[in-house]
Amino acid sequence: MNNDKKIFGLIGLAARARKVASGGFMTENAIKSGKSHMVLLSVEASDNTKKKFTNMCAHYKIPIYIFGSKDELGHAMGQEMRTVLSVNDAGFAKAMRERMNNDGGSLNESK
């Protein structure tokens, strides 16, 4: 749980540094343009959205994690609900991945 707070804090820092693209359209553009270093997808995302972004991230070889609720992701960014977001900075993405991988396996990573 402590790692969750740190991850949400990092999302907030990245958002204030304008290194996050949120929402389906902006995240898709970040992935396809090569700006994305990591994608976070809400556990509440629809099956269609999960499949779409999982396949897209596998194709572009971008790590994707299923993490947090829509409210939590949006709140971390200082916005309303967000289903999917892209971290567009290698440093922020690395710090988040390290914390997620140390969380005892409660998070999922796909390619």
PDB file of N, CA and C in Angstrom:
ATOM      1  N   MET A   1       0.820  -1.199   0.000  1.00  0.00           N
ATOM      2  CA  MET A   1       0.000   0.000   0.000  1.00  0.00           C
ATOM      3  C   MET A   1       0.856   1.250   0.000  1.00  0.00           C
ATOM      4  N   ASN A   2       1.957   1.223   0.717  1.00  0.00           N
ATOM      5  CA  ASN A   2       2.846   2.378   0.768  1.00  0.00           C
ATOM      6  C   ASN A   2       3.399   2.702  -0.611  1.00  0.00           C
ATOM      7  N   ASN A   3       3.719   1.666  -1.393  1.00  0.00           N
ATOM      8  CA  ASN A   3       4.198   1.884  -2.755  1.00  0.00           C
ATOM      9  C   ASN A   3       3.129   2.523  -3.625  1.00  0.00           C
ATOM     10  N   ASP A   4       1.855   2.187  -3.368  1.00  0.00           N
ATOM     11  CA  ASP A   4       0.764   2.790  -4.144  1.00  0.00           C
ATOM     12  C   ASP A   4       0.770   4.301  -3.991  1.00  0.00           C
ATOM     13  N   LYS A   5       0.932   4.786  -2.770  1.00  0.00           N
ATOM     14  CA  LYS A   5       0.950   6.231  -2.535  1.00  0.00           C
ATOM     15  C   LYS A   5       2.129   6.878  -3.249  1.00  0.00           C
ATOM     16  N   LYS A   6       3.268   6.208  -3.241  1.00  0.00           N
ATOM     17  CA  LYS A   6       4.448   6.746  -3.920  1.00  0.00           C
ATOM     18  C   LYS A   6       4.224   6.806  -5.433  1.00  0.00           C
ATOM     19  N   ILE A   7       3.577   5.780  -5.960  1.00  0.00           N
ATOM     20  CA  ILE A   7       3.311   5.749  -7.398  1.00  0.00           C
ATOM     21  C   ILE A   7       2.343   6.865  -7.780  1.00  0.00           C
ATOM     22  N   PHE A   8       1.283   7.036  -6.978  1.00  0.00           N
ATOM     23  CA  PHE A   8       0.337   8.119  -7.263  1.00  0.00           C
ATOM     24  C   PHE A   8       1.029   9.480  -7.136  1.00  0.00           C
ATOM     25  N   GLY A   9       1.950   9.599  -6.194  1.00  0.00           N
ATOM     26  CA  GLY A   9       2.722  10.836  -6.062  1.00  0.00           C
ATOM     27  C   GLY A   9       3.581  11.096  -7.285  1.00  0.00           C
ATOM     28  N   LEU A  10       4.191  10.041  -7.802  1.00  0.00           N
ATOM     29  CA  LEU A  10       5.001  10.182  -9.020  1.00  0.00           C
ATOM     30  C   LEU A  10       4.140  10.549 -10.227  1.00  0.00           C
ATOM     31  N   ILE A  11       2.926  10.003 -10.284  1.00  0.00           N
ATOM     32  CA  ILE A  11       2.010  10.370 -11.368  1.00  0.00           C
ATOM     33  C   ILE A  11       1.707  11.865 -11.290  1.00  0.00           C
ATOM     34  N   GLY A  12       1.473  12.349 -10.067  1.00  0.00           N
ATOM     35  CA  GLY A  12       1.195  13.769  -9.880  1.00  0.00           C
ATOM     36  C   GLY A  12       2.370  14.647 -10.288  1.00  0.00           C
ATOM     37  N   LEU A  13       3.572  14.241  -9.902  1.00  0.00           N
ATOM     38  CA  LEU A  13       4.770  15.001 -10.287  1.00  0.00           C
ATOM     39  C   LEU A  13       4.942  15.020 -11.807  1.00  0.00           C
ATOM     40  N   ALA A  14       4.756  13.857 -12.417  1.00  0.00           N
ATOM     41  CA  ALA A  14       4.898  13.760 -13.876  1.00  0.00           C
ATOM     42  C   ALA A  14       3.833  14.615 -14.573  1.00  0.00           C
ATOM     43  N   ALA A  15       2.625  14.632 -14.018  1.00  0.00           N
ATOM     44  CA  ALA A  15       1.555  15.437 -14.618  1.00  0.00           C
ATOM     45  C   ALA A  15       1.886  16.923 -14.528  1.00  0.00           C
ATOM     46  N   ARG A  16       2.397  17.356 -13.374  1.00  0.00           N
ATOM     47  CA  ARG A  16       2.754  18.772 -13.224  1.00  0.00           C
ATOM     48  C   ARG A  16       3.929  19.152 -14.118  1.00  0.00           C
ATOM     49  N   ALA A  17       4.783  18.177 -14.424  1.00  0.00           N
ATOM     50  CA  ALA A  17       5.912  18.417 -15.332  1.00  0.00           C
ATOM     51  C   ALA A  17       5.493  18.264 -16.795  1.00  0.00           C
ATOM     52  N   ARG A  18       4.216  18.020 -17.016  1.00  0.00           N
ATOM     53  CA  ARG A  18       3.657  17.820 -18.359  1.00  0.00           C
ATOM     54  C   ARG A  18       4.310  16.650 -19.099  1.00  0.00           C
ATOM     55  N   LYS A  19       4.549  15.579 -18.362  1.00  0.00           N
ATOM     56  CA  LYS A  19       5.140  14.372 -18.930  1.00  0.00           C
ATOM     57  C   LYS A  19       4.150  13.210 -18.936  1.00  0.00           C
ATOM     58  N   VAL A  20       2.845  13.549 -18.893  1.00  0.00           N
ATOM     59  CA  VAL A  20       1.794  12.539 -18.900  1.00  0.00           C
ATOM     60  C   VAL A  20       0.762  12.898 -19.957  1.00  0.00           C
ATOM     61  N   ALA A  21       0.350  11.902 -20.718  1.00  0.00           N
ATOM     62  CA  ALA A  21      -0.774  12.057 -21.645  1.00  0.00           C
ATOM     63  C   ALA A  21      -1.896  11.185 -21.103  1.00  0.00           C
ATOM     64  N   SER A  22      -3.089  11.753 -20.929  1.00  0.00           N
ATOM     65  CA  SER A  22      -4.174  10.968 -20.358  1.00  0.00           C
ATOM     66  C   SER A  22      -5.360  10.914 -21.297  1.00  0.00           C
ATOM     67  N   GLY A  23      -6.158   9.886 -21.106  1.00  0.00           N
ATOM     68  CA  GLY A  23      -7.302   9.659 -21.975  1.00  0.00           C
ATOM     69  C   GLY A  23      -6.898   8.786 -23.151  1.00  0.00           C
ATOM     70  N   GLY A  24      -7.868   8.121 -23.719  1.00  0.00           N
ATOM     71  CA  GLY A  24      -7.590   7.171 -24.796  1.00  0.00           C
ATOM     72  C   GLY A  24      -6.912   7.772 -26.002  1.00  0.00           C
ATOM     73  N   PHE A  25      -7.430   8.898 -26.495  1.00  0.00           N
ATOM     74  CA  PHE A  25      -6.889   9.504 -27.713  1.00  0.00           C
ATOM     75  C   PHE A  25      -5.456   9.985 -27.515  1.00  0.00           C
ATOM     76  N   MET A  26      -5.216  10.723 -26.430  1.00  0.00           N
ATOM     77  CA  MET A  26      -3.872  11.265 -26.178  1.00  0.00           C
ATOM     78  C   MET A  26      -2.862  10.152 -25.875  1.00  0.00           C
ATOM     79  N   THR A  27      -3.292   9.130 -25.163  1.00  0.00           N
ATOM     80  CA  THR A  27      -2.401   8.004 -24.867  1.00  0.00           C
ATOM     81  C   THR A  27      -2.050   7.250 -26.143  1.00  0.00           C
ATOM     82  N   GLU A  28      -3.034   7.029 -26.982  1.00  0.00           N
ATOM     83  CA  GLU A  28      -2.783   6.346 -28.252  1.00  0.00           C
ATOM     84  C   GLU A  28      -1.796   7.136 -29.107  1.00  0.00           C
ATOM     85  N   ASN A  29      -1.961   8.445 -29.171  1.00  0.00           N
ATOM     86  CA  ASN A  29      -1.030   9.284 -29.932  1.00  0.00           C
ATOM     87  C   ASN A  29       0.382   9.207 -29.357  1.00  0.00           C
ATOM     88  N   ALA A  30       0.507   9.220 -28.023  1.00  0.00           N
ATOM     89  CA  ALA A  30       1.831   9.141 -27.392  1.00  0.00           C
ATOM     90  C   ALA A  30       2.501   7.809 -27.706  1.00  0.00           C
ATOM     91  N   ILE A  31       1.739   6.733 -27.691  1.00  0.00           N
ATOM     92  CA  ILE A  31       2.290   5.407 -27.994  1.00  0.00           C
ATOM     93  C   ILE A  31       2.763   5.358 -29.444  1.00  0.00           C
ATOM     94  N   LYS A  32       1.904   5.761 -30.352  1.00  0.00           N
ATOM     95  CA  LYS A  32       2.227   5.657 -31.776  1.00  0.00           C
ATOM     96  C   LYS A  32       3.330   6.603 -32.210  1.00  0.00           C
ATOM     97  N   SER A  33       3.495   7.725 -31.516  1.00  0.00           N
ATOM     98  CA  SER A  33       4.541   8.676 -31.881  1.00  0.00           C
ATOM     99  C   SER A  33       5.874   8.362 -31.211  1.00  0.00           C
ATOM    100  N   GLY A  34       5.900   7.349 -30.358  1.00  0.00           N
ATOM    101  CA  GLY A  34       7.143   6.951 -29.708  1.00  0.00           C
ATOM    102  C   GLY A  34       7.489   7.751 -28.460  1.00  0.00           C
ATOM    103  N   LYS A  35       6.574   8.577 -27.978  1.00  0.00           N
ATOM    104  CA  LYS A  35       6.838   9.388 -26.782  1.00  0.00           C
ATOM    105  C   LYS A  35       6.617   8.613 -25.489  1.00  0.00           C
ATOM    106  N   SER A  36       5.773   7.600 -25.530  1.00  0.00           N
ATOM    107  CA  SER A  36       5.394   6.864 -24.324  1.00  0.00           C
ATOM    108  C   SER A  36       6.500   5.928 -23.852  1.00  0.00           C
ATOM    109  N   HIS A  37       6.735   5.947 -22.541  1.00  0.00           N
ATOM    110  CA  HIS A  37       7.703   5.029 -21.932  1.00  0.00           C
ATOM    111  C   HIS A  37       7.010   3.994 -21.059  1.00  0.00           C
ATOM    112  N   MET A  38       5.713   4.237 -20.779  1.00  0.00           N
ATOM    113  CA  MET A  38       4.967   3.341 -19.906  1.00  0.00           C
ATOM    114  C   MET A  38       3.489   3.731 -19.982  1.00  0.00           C
ATOM    115  N   VAL A  39       2.610   2.748 -19.893  1.00  0.00           N
ATOM    116  CA  VAL A  39       1.172   3.012 -19.898  1.00  0.00           C
ATOM    117  C   VAL A  39       0.563   2.436 -18.632  1.00  0.00           C
ATOM    118  N   LEU A  40      -0.308   3.226 -18.001  1.00  0.00           N
ATOM    119  CA  LEU A  40      -1.064   2.778 -16.832  1.00  0.00           C
ATOM    120  C   LEU A  40      -2.528   2.691 -17.234  1.00  0.00           C
ATOM    121  N   LEU A  41      -3.138   1.573 -16.933  1.00  0.00           N
ATOM    122  CA  LEU A  41      -4.517   1.313 -17.298  1.00  0.00           C
ATOM    123  C   LEU A  41      -5.296   0.992 -16.030  1.00  0.00           C
ATOM    124  N   SER A  42      -6.426   1.614 -15.841  1.00  0.00           N
ATOM    125  CA  SER A  42      -7.245   1.401 -14.653  1.00  0.00           C
ATOM    126  C   SER A  42      -7.764  -0.032 -14.596  1.00  0.00           C
ATOM    127  N   VAL A  43      -7.903  -0.550 -13.374  1.00  0.00           N
ATOM    128  CA  VAL A  43      -8.487  -1.883 -13.203  1.00  0.00           C
ATOM    129  C   VAL A  43      -9.955  -1.877 -13.608  1.00  0.00           C
ATOM    130  N   GLU A  44     -10.564  -0.700 -13.654  1.00  0.00           N
ATOM    131  CA  GLU A  44     -11.974  -0.566 -14.016  1.00  0.00           C
ATOM    132  C   GLU A  44     -12.195  -0.390 -15.518  1.00  0.00           C
ATOM    133  N   ALA A  45     -11.142  -0.416 -16.297  1.00  0.00           N
ATOM    134  CA  ALA A  45     -11.275  -0.239 -17.749  1.00  0.00           C
ATOM    135  C   ALA A  45     -12.086  -1.389 -18.345  1.00  0.00           C
ATOM    136  N   SER A  46     -12.796  -1.087 -19.402  1.00  0.00           N
ATOM    137  CA  SER A  46     -13.592  -2.127 -20.065  1.00  0.00           C
ATOM    138  C   SER A  46     -12.658  -3.162 -20.709  1.00  0.00           C
ATOM    139  N   ASP A  47     -13.216  -4.334 -20.969  1.00  0.00           N
ATOM    140  CA  ASP A  47     -12.422  -5.393 -21.600  1.00  0.00           C
ATOM    141  C   ASP A  47     -11.905  -4.944 -22.959  1.00  0.00           C
ATOM    142  N   ASN A  48     -12.720  -4.205 -23.704  1.00  0.00           N
ATOM    143  CA  ASN A  48     -12.321  -3.725 -25.022  1.00  0.00           C
ATOM    144  C   ASN A  48     -11.128  -2.768 -24.911  1.00  0.00           C
ATOM    145  N   THR A  49     -11.185  -1.859 -23.941  1.00  0.00           N
ATOM    146  CA  THR A  49     -10.086  -0.903 -23.732  1.00  0.00           C
ATOM    147  C   THR A  49      -8.825  -1.635 -23.296  1.00  0.00           C
ATOM    148  N   LYS A  50      -8.961  -2.590 -22.389  1.00  0.00           N
ATOM    149  CA  LYS A  50      -7.805  -3.374 -21.939  1.00  0.00           C
ATOM    150  C   LYS A  50      -7.160  -4.097 -23.117  1.00  0.00           C
ATOM    151  N   LYS A  51      -7.980  -4.725 -23.944  1.00  0.00           N
ATOM    152  CA  LYS A  51      -7.453  -5.460 -25.095  1.00  0.00           C
ATOM    153  C   LYS A  51      -6.765  -4.514 -26.068  1.00  0.00           C
ATOM    154  N   LYS A  52      -7.417  -3.380 -26.362  1.00  0.00           N
ATOM    155  CA  LYS A  52      -6.866  -2.415 -27.318  1.00  0.00           C
ATOM    156  C   LYS A  52      -5.491  -1.934 -26.888  1.00  0.00           C
ATOM    157  N   PHE A  53      -5.365  -1.492 -25.632  1.00  0.00           N
ATOM    158  CA  PHE A  53      -4.091  -0.939 -25.186  1.00  0.00           C
ATOM    159  C   PHE A  53      -3.048  -2.015 -24.896  1.00  0.00           C
ATOM    160  N   THR A  54      -3.479  -3.189 -24.455  1.00  0.00           N
ATOM    161  CA  THR A  54      -2.532  -4.282 -24.254  1.00  0.00           C
ATOM    162  C   THR A  54      -1.900  -4.690 -25.584  1.00  0.00           C
ATOM    163  N   ASN A  55      -2.725  -4.834 -26.606  1.00  0.00           N
ATOM    164  CA  ASN A  55      -2.213  -5.194 -27.935  1.00  0.00           C
ATOM    165  C   ASN A  55      -1.325  -4.095 -28.513  1.00  0.00           C
ATOM    166  N   MET A  56      -1.757  -2.839 -28.356  1.00  0.00           N
ATOM    167  CA  MET A  56      -0.983  -1.721 -28.884  1.00  0.00           C
ATOM    168  C   MET A  56       0.390  -1.640 -28.200  1.00  0.00           C
ATOM    169  N   CYS A  57       0.396  -1.793 -26.876  1.00  0.00           N
ATOM    170  CA  CYS A  57       1.659  -1.714 -26.139  1.00  0.00           C
ATOM    171  C   CYS A  57       2.570  -2.892 -26.469  1.00  0.00           C
ATOM    172  N   ALA A  58       1.989  -4.062 -26.679  1.00  0.00           N
ATOM    173  CA  ALA A  58       2.793  -5.222 -27.077  1.00  0.00           C
ATOM    174  C   ALA A  58       3.436  -4.963 -28.435  1.00  0.00           C
ATOM    175  N   HIS A  59       2.680  -4.391 -29.363  1.00  0.00           N
ATOM    176  CA  HIS A  59       3.192  -4.110 -30.706  1.00  0.00           C
ATOM    177  C   HIS A  59       4.322  -3.086 -30.665  1.00  0.00           C
ATOM    178  N   TYR A  60       4.158  -2.031 -29.863  1.00  0.00           N
ATOM    179  CA  TYR A  60       5.167  -0.977 -29.786  1.00  0.00           C
ATOM    180  C   TYR A  60       6.206  -1.216 -28.685  1.00  0.00           C
ATOM    181  N   LYS A  61       6.093  -2.369 -28.008  1.00  0.00           N
ATOM    182  CA  LYS A  61       7.040  -2.779 -26.965  1.00  0.00           C
ATOM    183  C   LYS A  61       7.132  -1.747 -25.830  1.00  0.00           C
ATOM    184  N   ILE A  62       5.971  -1.376 -25.310  1.00  0.00           N
ATOM    185  CA  ILE A  62       5.879  -0.428 -24.204  1.00  0.00           C
ATOM    186  C   ILE A  62       5.277  -1.170 -23.016  1.00  0.00           C
ATOM    187  N   PRO A  63       5.892  -1.075 -21.843  1.00  0.00           N
ATOM    188  CA  PRO A  63       5.317  -1.745 -20.671  1.00  0.00           C
ATOM    189  C   PRO A  63       3.957  -1.152 -20.319  1.00  0.00           C
ATOM    190  N   ILE A  64       3.025  -2.032 -19.982  1.00  0.00           N
ATOM    191  CA  ILE A  64       1.698  -1.587 -19.560  1.00  0.00           C
ATOM    192  C   ILE A  64       1.384  -2.235 -18.220  1.00  0.00           C
ATOM    193  N   TYR A  65       0.871  -1.437 -17.316  1.00  0.00           N
ATOM    194  CA  TYR A  65       0.512  -1.916 -15.986  1.00  0.00           C
ATOM    195  C   TYR A  65      -0.957  -1.622 -15.733  1.00  0.00           C
ATOM    196  N   ILE A  66      -1.637  -2.582 -15.148  1.00  0.00           N
ATOM    197  CA  ILE A  66      -3.015  -2.374 -14.715  1.00  0.00           C
ATOM    198  C   ILE A  66      -2.927  -1.951 -13.254  1.00  0.00           C
ATOM    199  N   PHE A  67      -3.361  -0.703 -12.992  1.00  0.00           N
ATOM    200  CA  PHE A  67      -3.090  -0.118 -11.690  1.00  0.00           C
ATOM    201  C   PHE A  67      -4.129   0.935 -11.332  1.00  0.00           C
ATOM    202  N   GLY A  68      -4.694   0.827 -10.167  1.00  0.00           N
ATOM    203  CA  GLY A  68      -5.556   1.860  -9.614  1.00  0.00           C
ATOM    204  C   GLY A  68      -6.923   1.960 -10.263  1.00  0.00           C
ATOM    205  N   SER A  69      -7.804   2.648  -9.560  1.00  0.00           N
ATOM    206  CA  SER A  69      -9.141   2.890 -10.087  1.00  0.00           C
ATOM    207  C   SER A  69      -9.123   4.133 -10.968  1.00  0.00           C
ATOM    208  N   LYS A  70     -10.208   4.356 -11.679  1.00  0.00           N
ATOM    209  CA  LYS A  70     -10.318   5.554 -12.517  1.00  0.00           C
ATOM    210  C   LYS A  70     -10.221   6.816 -11.662  1.00  0.00           C
ATOM    211  N   ASP A  71     -10.889   6.793 -10.519  1.00  0.00           N
ATOM    212  CA  ASP A  71     -10.845   7.950  -9.611  1.00  0.00           C
ATOM    213  C   ASP A  71      -9.430   8.201  -9.098  1.00  0.00           C
ATOM    214  N   GLU A  72      -8.734   7.134  -8.713  1.00  0.00           N
ATOM    215  CA  GLU A  72      -7.373   7.286  -8.178  1.00  0.00           C
ATOM    216  C   GLU A  72      -6.418   7.853  -9.224  1.00  0.00           C
ATOM    217  N   LEU A  73      -6.493   7.341 -10.448  1.00  0.00           N
ATOM    218  CA  LEU A  73      -5.613   7.843 -11.508  1.00  0.00           C
ATOM    219  C   LEU A  73      -5.904   9.307 -11.812  1.00  0.00           C
ATOM    220  N   GLY A  74      -7.178   9.641 -11.916  1.00  0.00           N
ATOM    221  CA  GLY A  74      -7.545  11.025 -12.182  1.00  0.00           C
ATOM    222  C   GLY A  74      -7.156  11.944 -11.043  1.00  0.00           C
ATOM    223  N   HIS A  75      -7.415  11.529  -9.815  1.00  0.00           N
ATOM    224  CA  HIS A  75      -7.087  12.345  -8.650  1.00  0.00           C
ATOM    225  C   HIS A  75      -5.580  12.585  -8.549  1.00  0.00           C
ATOM    226  N   ALA A  76      -4.788  11.565  -8.856  1.00  0.00           N
ATOM    227  CA  ALA A  76      -3.320  11.711  -8.806  1.00  0.00           C
ATOM    228  C   ALA A  76      -2.844  12.789  -9.778  1.00  0.00           C
ATOM    229  N   MET A  77      -3.588  12.960 -10.878  1.00  0.00           N
ATOM    230  CA  MET A  77      -3.225  13.959 -11.878  1.00  0.00           C
ATOM    231  C   MET A  77      -3.875  15.312 -11.611  1.00  0.00           C
ATOM    232  N   GLY A  78      -4.748  15.361 -10.610  1.00  0.00           N
ATOM    233  CA  GLY A  78      -5.454  16.603 -10.323  1.00  0.00           C
ATOM    234  C   GLY A  78      -6.607  16.844 -11.278  1.00  0.00           C
ATOM    235  N   GLN A  79      -7.188  15.764 -11.794  1.00  0.00           N
ATOM    236  CA  GLN A  79      -8.283  15.855 -12.758  1.00  0.00           C
ATOM    237  C   GLN A  79      -9.404  14.919 -12.350  1.00  0.00           C
ATOM    238  N   GLU A  80     -10.401  14.825 -13.222  1.00  0.00           N
ATOM    239  CA  GLU A  80     -11.493  13.879 -13.016  1.00  0.00           C
ATOM    240  C   GLU A  80     -10.995  12.472 -13.337  1.00  0.00           C
ATOM    241  N   MET A  81     -11.909  11.548 -13.456  1.00  0.00           N
ATOM    242  CA  MET A  81     -11.552  10.155 -13.698  1.00  0.00           C
ATOM    243  C   MET A  81     -10.735   9.989 -14.983  1.00  0.00           C
ATOM    244  N   ARG A  82      -9.761   9.102 -14.925  1.00  0.00           N
ATOM    245  CA  ARG A  82      -8.952   8.751 -16.088  1.00  0.00           C
ATOM    246  C   ARG A  82      -8.835   7.238 -16.152  1.00  0.00           C
ATOM    247  N   THR A  83      -9.074   6.685 -17.332  1.00  0.00           N
ATOM    248  CA  THR A  83      -9.001   5.237 -17.514  1.00  0.00           C
ATOM    249  C   THR A  83      -7.609   4.794 -17.920  1.00  0.00           C
ATOM    250  N   VAL A  84      -6.945   5.594 -18.729  1.00  0.00           N
ATOM    251  CA  VAL A  84      -5.632   5.217 -19.240  1.00  0.00           C
ATOM    252  C   VAL A  84      -4.759   6.462 -19.328  1.00  0.00           C
ATOM    253  N   LEU A  85      -3.468   6.263 -19.057  1.00  0.00           N
ATOM    254  CA  LEU A  85      -2.522   7.370 -19.197  1.00  0.00           C
ATOM    255  C   LEU A  85      -1.168   6.844 -19.612  1.00  0.00           C
ATOM    256  N   SER A  86      -0.428   7.714 -20.257  1.00  0.00           N
ATOM    257  CA  SER A  86       0.909   7.395 -20.740  1.00  0.00           C
ATOM    258  C   SER A  86       1.921   8.258 -20.009  1.00  0.00           C
ATOM    259  N   VAL A  87       2.984   7.639 -19.516  1.00  0.00           N
ATOM    260  CA  VAL A  87       4.083   8.378 -18.898  1.00  0.00           C
ATOM    261  C   VAL A  87       5.109   8.617 -20.002  1.00  0.00           C
ATOM    262  N   ASN A  88       5.353   9.894 -20.316  1.00  0.00           N
ATOM    263  CA  ASN A  88       6.187  10.251 -21.459  1.00  0.00           C
ATOM    264  C   ASN A  88       7.582  10.705 -21.057  1.00  0.00           C
ATOM    265  N   ASP A  89       8.076  10.225 -19.934  1.00  0.00           N
ATOM    266  CA  ASP A  89       9.411  10.565 -19.468  1.00  0.00           C
ATOM    267  C   ASP A  89      10.072   9.294 -18.959  1.00  0.00           C
ATOM    268  N   ALA A  90      11.272   9.012 -19.435  1.00  0.00           N
ATOM    269  CA  ALA A  90      11.962   7.770 -19.079  1.00  0.00           C
ATOM    270  C   ALA A  90      12.253   7.695 -17.582  1.00  0.00           C
ATOM    271  N   GLY A  91      12.622   8.810 -16.972  1.00  0.00           N
ATOM    272  CA  GLY A  91      12.951   8.815 -15.544  1.00  0.00           C
ATOM    273  C   GLY A  91      11.751   8.509 -14.666  1.00  0.00           C
ATOM    274  N   PHE A  92      10.628   9.168 -14.935  1.00  0.00           N
ATOM    275  CA  PHE A  92       9.408   8.903 -14.172  1.00  0.00           C
ATOM    276  C   PHE A  92       8.955   7.458 -14.387  1.00  0.00           C
ATOM    277  N   ALA A  93       9.009   6.992 -15.620  1.00  0.00           N
ATOM    278  CA  ALA A  93       8.575   5.624 -15.937  1.00  0.00           C
ATOM    279  C   ALA A  93       9.439   4.603 -15.205  1.00  0.00           C
ATOM    280  N   LYS A  94      10.739   4.831 -15.173  1.00  0.00           N
ATOM    281  CA  LYS A  94      11.644   3.903 -14.494  1.00  0.00           C
ATOM    282  C   LYS A  94      11.349   3.860 -13.002  1.00  0.00           C
ATOM    283  N   ALA A  95      11.151   5.020 -12.388  1.00  0.00           N
ATOM    284  CA  ALA A  95      10.861   5.080 -10.950  1.00  0.00           C
ATOM    285  C   ALA A  95       9.551   4.363 -10.632  1.00  0.00           C
ATOM    286  N   MET A  96       8.535   4.539 -11.469  1.00  0.00           N
ATOM    287  CA  MET A  96       7.247   3.871 -11.239  1.00  0.00           C
ATOM    288  C   MET A  96       7.368   2.367 -11.419  1.00  0.00           C
ATOM    289  N   ARG A  97       8.075   1.933 -12.470  1.00  0.00           N
ATOM    290  CA  ARG A  97       8.245   0.502 -12.717  1.00  0.00           C
ATOM    291  C   ARG A  97       8.961  -0.165 -11.560  1.00  0.00           C
ATOM    292  N   GLU A  98      10.001   0.471 -11.017  1.00  0.00           N
ATOM    293  CA  GLU A  98      10.733  -0.105  -9.898  1.00  0.00           C
ATOM    294  C   GLU A  98       9.821  -0.302  -8.696  1.00  0.00           C
ATOM    295  N   ARG A  99       8.982   0.684  -8.400  1.00  0.00           N
ATOM    296  CA  ARG A  99       8.071   0.568  -7.270  1.00  0.00           C
ATOM    297  C   ARG A  99       6.990  -0.478  -7.528  1.00  0.00           C
ATOM    298  N   MET A 100       6.517  -0.553  -8.768  1.00  0.00           N
ATOM    299  CA  MET A 100       5.493  -1.551  -9.091  1.00  0.00           C
ATOM    300  C   MET A 100       6.051  -2.962  -9.022  1.00  0.00           C
ATOM    301  N   ASN A 101       7.256  -3.146  -9.496  1.00  0.00           N
ATOM    302  CA  ASN A 101       7.857  -4.472  -9.480  1.00  0.00           C
ATOM    303  C   ASN A 101       8.226  -4.925  -8.073  1.00  0.00           C
ATOM    304  N   ASN A 102       8.392  -3.988  -7.136  1.00  0.00           N
ATOM    305  CA  ASN A 102       8.701  -4.298  -5.752  1.00  0.00           C
ATOM    306  C   ASN A 102       7.446  -4.450  -4.906  1.00  0.00           C
ATOM    307  N   ASP A 103       6.285  -4.388  -5.527  1.00  0.00           N
ATOM    308  CA  ASP A 103       5.027  -4.379  -4.785  1.00  0.00           C
ATOM    309  C   ASP A 103       4.487  -5.768  -4.503  1.00  0.00           C
ATOM    310  N   GLY A 104       5.280  -6.791  -4.694  1.00  0.00           N
ATOM    311  CA  GLY A 104       4.843  -8.128  -4.344  1.00  0.00           C
ATOM    312  C   GLY A 104       3.916  -8.779  -5.364  1.00  0.00           C
ATOM    313  N   GLY A 105       3.931  -8.310  -6.573  1.00  0.00           N
ATOM    314  CA  GLY A 105       3.185  -8.961  -7.632  1.00  0.00           C
ATOM    315  C   GLY A 105       1.715  -8.612  -7.718  1.00  0.00           C
ATOM    316  N   SER A 106       1.264  -7.571  -7.027  1.00  0.00           N
ATOM    317  CA  SER A 106      -0.152  -7.220  -7.095  1.00  0.00           C
ATOM    318  C   SER A 106      -0.490  -6.469  -8.374  1.00  0.00           C
ATOM    319  N   LEU A 107       0.522  -6.106  -9.148  1.00  0.00           N
ATOM    320  CA  LEU A 107       0.306  -5.381 -10.393  1.00  0.00           C
ATOM    321  C   LEU A 107       0.695  -6.272 -11.557  1.00  0.00           C
ATOM    322  N   ASN A 108       0.049  -6.046 -12.680  1.00  0.00           N
ATOM    323  CA  ASN A 108       0.305  -6.864 -13.858  1.00  0.00           C
ATOM    324  C   ASN A 108       1.094  -6.081 -14.879  1.00  0.00           C
ATOM    325  N   GLU A 109       2.051  -6.723 -15.481  1.00  0.00           N
ATOM    326  CA  GLU A 109       2.802  -6.106 -16.576  1.00  0.00           C
ATOM    327  C   GLU A 109       2.665  -6.993 -17.790  1.00  0.00           C
ATOM    328  N   SER A 110       2.393  -6.390 -18.914  1.00  0.00           N
ATOM    329  CA  SER A 110       2.333  -7.110 -20.175  1.00  0.00           C
ATOM    330  C   SER A 110       3.411  -6.567 -21.081  1.00  0.00           C
ATOM    331  N   LYS A 111       4.283  -7.420 -21.500  1.00  0.00           N
ATOM    332  CA  LYS A 111       5.378  -7.086 -22.415  1.00  0.00           C
ATOM    333  C   LYS A 111       5.751  -5.674 -22.273  1.00  0.00           C
TER     334      LYS A 111
END
